[in-house]
Amino acid sequence: MLVIETDESVLELDRRILYRSTRLHGCEALEYRHHRAHEEPLLAIPDALAWCWQRGGPWKARAKDFVADIKTV
């Protein structure tokens, strides 16, 4: 089960990409749902980590163990 935070501006794009990617990689049993943040409390975790990272200093140090990879775009 994959839960994605709902963003109305990219909802249709999310669906198209997920549909195409799951078929391409043979993951036909993957179930995914879009939820709002208040519907799935675990969606707050990435936001909290991003806030800590951006804040820097001791906050960034606390978040470091949870960061596996950084990609600059």
Protein backbone atom coordinates (compact mmCIF):
# COMPACT_ATOMS: atom_id res chain seq x y z
CA MET A 1 0.00 0.00 0.00
CA LEU A 2 1.41 3.36 -1.05
CA VAL A 3 -0.18 6.49 0.41
CA ILE A 4 0.48 9.78 -1.35
CA GLU A 5 -0.49 13.18 -0.03
CA THR A 6 -3.21 14.72 -2.15
CA ASP A 7 -2.16 17.72 -4.21
CA GLU A 8 -5.05 18.63 -6.48
CA SER A 9 -2.74 20.40 -8.95
CA VAL A 10 -0.93 17.14 -9.83
CA LEU A 11 -3.51 14.50 -8.96
CA GLU A 12 -4.16 13.38 -12.54
CA LEU A 13 -0.44 13.38 -13.33
CA ASP A 14 0.20 11.21 -10.25
CA ARG A 15 -2.42 8.74 -11.41
CA ARG A 16 -1.07 8.53 -14.95
CA ILE A 17 2.52 8.06 -13.79
CA LEU A 18 1.59 5.45 -11.19
CA TYR A 19 -0.58 3.53 -13.63
CA ARG A 20 2.12 3.52 -16.32
CA SER A 21 4.99 2.74 -13.92
CA THR A 22 3.25 -0.11 -12.12
CA ARG A 23 2.44 -1.76 -15.45
CA LEU A 24 5.93 -1.19 -16.82
CA HIS A 25 7.57 -2.79 -13.77
CA GLY A 26 5.05 -5.59 -13.30
CA CYS A 27 3.68 -4.28 -9.99
CA GLU A 28 0.06 -4.88 -10.81
CA ALA A 29 -0.77 -5.78 -7.20
CA LEU A 30 0.45 -2.41 -5.87
CA GLU A 31 -2.36 -0.52 -4.24
CA TYR A 32 -2.04 3.23 -3.90
CA ARG A 33 -4.27 5.92 -2.47
CA HIS A 34 -4.24 9.68 -2.25
CA HIS A 35 -5.04 11.08 1.20
CA ARG A 36 -5.02 14.49 2.77
CA ALA A 37 -2.53 15.03 5.59
CA HIS A 38 -5.23 14.93 8.26
CA GLU A 39 -6.42 11.54 6.94
CA GLU A 40 -2.99 9.89 7.30
CA PRO A 41 -0.84 11.22 10.17
CA LEU A 42 2.32 9.52 8.86
CA LEU A 43 2.33 11.99 5.94
CA ALA A 44 3.57 14.62 8.41
CA ILE A 45 6.90 12.84 8.91
CA PRO A 46 8.56 13.93 5.62
CA ASP A 47 7.40 17.50 6.22
CA ALA A 48 8.88 17.49 9.72
CA LEU A 49 12.21 16.10 8.48
CA ALA A 50 12.36 18.64 5.65
CA TRP A 51 11.68 21.43 8.13
CA CYS A 52 14.50 20.22 10.40
CA TRP A 53 16.90 19.91 7.47
CA GLN A 54 16.11 23.39 6.18
CA ARG A 55 16.31 24.93 9.66
CA GLY A 56 19.88 23.69 10.02
CA GLY A 57 22.07 23.58 13.10
CA PRO A 58 20.95 21.15 15.82
CA TRP A 59 17.68 20.50 13.99
CA LYS A 60 19.52 19.24 10.90
CA ALA A 61 21.76 17.09 13.11
CA ARG A 62 18.67 15.45 14.63
CA ALA A 63 17.25 14.65 11.19
CA LYS A 64 20.50 13.31 9.64
CA ASP A 65 19.95 9.70 10.68
CA PHE A 66 16.70 9.65 8.71
CA VAL A 67 18.18 10.98 5.45
CA ALA A 68 19.45 8.28 3.11
CA ASP A 69 20.10 10.36 -0.02
CA ILE A 70 20.11 13.99 -1.13
CA LYS A 71 19.40 15.07 -4.69
CA THR A 72 19.87 18.65 -5.76
CA VAL A 73 17.50 19.75 -8.51
